[in-house]
């Protein structure tokens, strides 16, 4: 599973979500599961490096070059939760 790209998506609520793009749907599902279950260090680094990011998710580009991602966003801890 490799990350092929990223982008920031702003939700209607004003929250910013970092979308990590993989090569295909299978890798997207694997990455999303990893982010849900076992990505504490990664989430902590996001909080420290990009504090405006409040949510993360995984996606991929389909055969029509459209970006598809999981809209069930995963919250990242707030910087003050780290102290």
C-alpha atoms as a PDB file:
ATOM      1  CA  UNK A   1       0.000   0.000   0.000  1.00  0.00           C
ATOM      2  CA  UNK A   2       1.530   3.289  -1.156  1.00  0.00           C
ATOM      3  CA  UNK A   3       0.331   6.852  -0.820  1.00  0.00           C
ATOM      4  CA  UNK A   4       0.107   8.323  -4.337  1.00  0.00           C
ATOM      5  CA  UNK A   5      -0.928  11.840  -3.335  1.00  0.00           C
ATOM      6  CA  UNK A   6      -2.821  13.995  -0.895  1.00  0.00           C
ATOM      7  CA  UNK A   7      -5.196  16.922  -0.858  1.00  0.00           C
ATOM      8  CA  UNK A   8      -7.060  18.973   1.701  1.00  0.00           C
ATOM      9  CA  UNK A   9     -10.836  19.046   1.469  1.00  0.00           C
ATOM     10  CA  UNK A  10     -12.829  21.673   3.380  1.00  0.00           C
ATOM     11  CA  UNK A  11     -16.179  20.396   4.631  1.00  0.00           C
ATOM     12  CA  UNK A  12     -19.312  22.552   4.755  1.00  0.00           C
ATOM     13  CA  UNK A  13     -18.715  22.841   8.508  1.00  0.00           C
ATOM     14  CA  UNK A  14     -15.386  24.579   7.835  1.00  0.00           C
ATOM     15  CA  UNK A  15     -13.313  21.633   9.070  1.00  0.00           C
ATOM     16  CA  UNK A  16     -10.299  20.599   6.996  1.00  0.00           C
ATOM     17  CA  UNK A  17      -9.807  16.959   6.057  1.00  0.00           C
ATOM     18  CA  UNK A  18      -6.546  15.522   4.759  1.00  0.00           C
ATOM     19  CA  UNK A  19      -7.321  12.931   2.090  1.00  0.00           C
ATOM     20  CA  UNK A  20      -4.581  10.367   1.425  1.00  0.00           C
ATOM     21  CA  UNK A  21      -4.760   8.838  -2.054  1.00  0.00           C
ATOM     22  CA  UNK A  22      -3.803   5.243  -2.804  1.00  0.00           C
ATOM     23  CA  UNK A  23      -3.577   3.296  -6.068  1.00  0.00           C
ATOM     24  CA  UNK A  24      -6.934   1.522  -5.902  1.00  0.00           C
ATOM     25  CA  UNK A  25     -10.062   0.743  -3.888  1.00  0.00           C
ATOM     26  CA  UNK A  26      -8.509  -2.242  -2.101  1.00  0.00           C
ATOM     27  CA  UNK A  27      -5.568  -0.150  -0.878  1.00  0.00           C
ATOM     28  CA  UNK A  28      -7.968   2.632   0.085  1.00  0.00           C
ATOM     29  CA  UNK A  29      -9.894   0.233   2.311  1.00  0.00           C
ATOM     30  CA  UNK A  30      -6.673  -1.060   3.893  1.00  0.00           C
ATOM     31  CA  UNK A  31      -5.405   2.462   4.543  1.00  0.00           C
ATOM     32  CA  UNK A  32      -8.722   3.616   5.969  1.00  0.00           C
ATOM     33  CA  UNK A  33      -8.736   0.654   8.371  1.00  0.00           C
ATOM     34  CA  UNK A  34      -5.149   1.423   9.408  1.00  0.00           C
ATOM     35  CA  UNK A  35      -6.020   5.070  10.026  1.00  0.00           C
ATOM     36  CA  UNK A  36      -9.005   4.021  12.146  1.00  0.00           C
ATOM     37  CA  UNK A  37      -7.216   1.428  14.229  1.00  0.00           C
ATOM     38  CA  UNK A  38      -3.469   1.889  14.394  1.00  0.00           C
ATOM     39  CA  UNK A  39      -2.179   5.271  13.220  1.00  0.00           C
ATOM     40  CA  UNK A  40      -1.620   7.129  16.481  1.00  0.00           C
ATOM     41  CA  UNK A  41       1.914   8.277  15.622  1.00  0.00           C
ATOM     42  CA  UNK A  42       0.811   9.477  12.184  1.00  0.00           C
ATOM     43  CA  UNK A  43      -2.125  11.405  13.652  1.00  0.00           C
ATOM     44  CA  UNK A  44       0.140  12.962  16.282  1.00  0.00           C
ATOM     45  CA  UNK A  45       2.566  14.136  13.589  1.00  0.00           C
ATOM     46  CA  UNK A  46      -0.297  15.703  11.619  1.00  0.00           C
ATOM     47  CA  UNK A  47      -1.412  17.625  14.700  1.00  0.00           C
ATOM     48  CA  UNK A  48       2.097  18.943  15.258  1.00  0.00           C
ATOM     49  CA  UNK A  49       2.945  19.763  11.623  1.00  0.00           C
ATOM     50  CA  UNK A  50      -0.459  20.833  10.246  1.00  0.00           C
ATOM     51  CA  UNK A  51      -2.692  21.944  13.136  1.00  0.00           C
ATOM     52  CA  UNK A  52      -5.410  23.165  10.741  1.00  0.00           C
ATOM     53  CA  UNK A  53      -6.107  19.530   9.745  1.00  0.00           C
ATOM     54  CA  UNK A  54      -8.931  18.183  11.889  1.00  0.00           C
ATOM     55  CA  UNK A  55      -9.919  15.028  10.012  1.00  0.00           C
ATOM     56  CA  UNK A  56      -8.333  12.406   7.755  1.00  0.00           C
ATOM     57  CA  UNK A  57      -9.591   9.865   5.251  1.00  0.00           C
ATOM     58  CA  UNK A  58      -8.402   7.654   2.411  1.00  0.00           C
ATOM     59  CA  UNK A  59      -9.247   7.703  -1.274  1.00  0.00           C
ATOM     60  CA  UNK A  60      -8.089   6.763  -4.775  1.00  0.00           C
ATOM     61  CA  UNK A  61      -8.488   7.830  -8.403  1.00  0.00           C
ATOM     62  CA  UNK A  62     -10.775   5.609 -10.439  1.00  0.00           C
ATOM     63  CA  UNK A  63     -10.357   4.632 -14.099  1.00  0.00           C
ATOM     64  CA  UNK A  64     -11.993   7.944 -15.145  1.00  0.00           C
ATOM     65  CA  UNK A  65      -9.401   9.893 -13.104  1.00  0.00           C
ATOM     66  CA  UNK A  66     -12.065  10.910 -10.569  1.00  0.00           C
ATOM     67  CA  UNK A  67     -11.037  11.099  -6.928  1.00  0.00           C
ATOM     68  CA  UNK A  68     -13.184   8.853  -4.711  1.00  0.00           C
ATOM     69  CA  UNK A  69     -12.772   8.878  -0.939  1.00  0.00           C
ATOM     70  CA  UNK A  70     -14.430   7.632   2.223  1.00  0.00           C
ATOM     71  CA  UNK A  71     -16.682  10.381   3.609  1.00  0.00           C
ATOM     72  CA  UNK A  72     -16.647   8.880   7.082  1.00  0.00           C
ATOM     73  CA  UNK A  73     -13.851  11.121   8.319  1.00  0.00           C
ATOM     74  CA  UNK A  74     -11.495  10.102  11.107  1.00  0.00           C
ATOM     75  CA  UNK A  75     -10.812  12.812  13.694  1.00  0.00           C
ATOM     76  CA  UNK A  76      -7.222  13.612  14.574  1.00  0.00           C
ATOM     77  CA  UNK A  77      -6.473  14.587  18.171  1.00  0.00           C
ATOM     78  CA  UNK A  78      -6.324  18.286  18.940  1.00  0.00           C
ATOM     79  CA  UNK A  79      -2.928  19.736  19.842  1.00  0.00           C
ATOM     80  CA  UNK A  80      -4.088  20.364  23.419  1.00  0.00           C
ATOM     81  CA  UNK A  81      -5.047  16.681  23.778  1.00  0.00           C
ATOM     82  CA  UNK A  82      -1.360  15.875  23.279  1.00  0.00           C
ATOM     83  CA  UNK A  83      -0.299  17.590  26.524  1.00  0.00           C
END
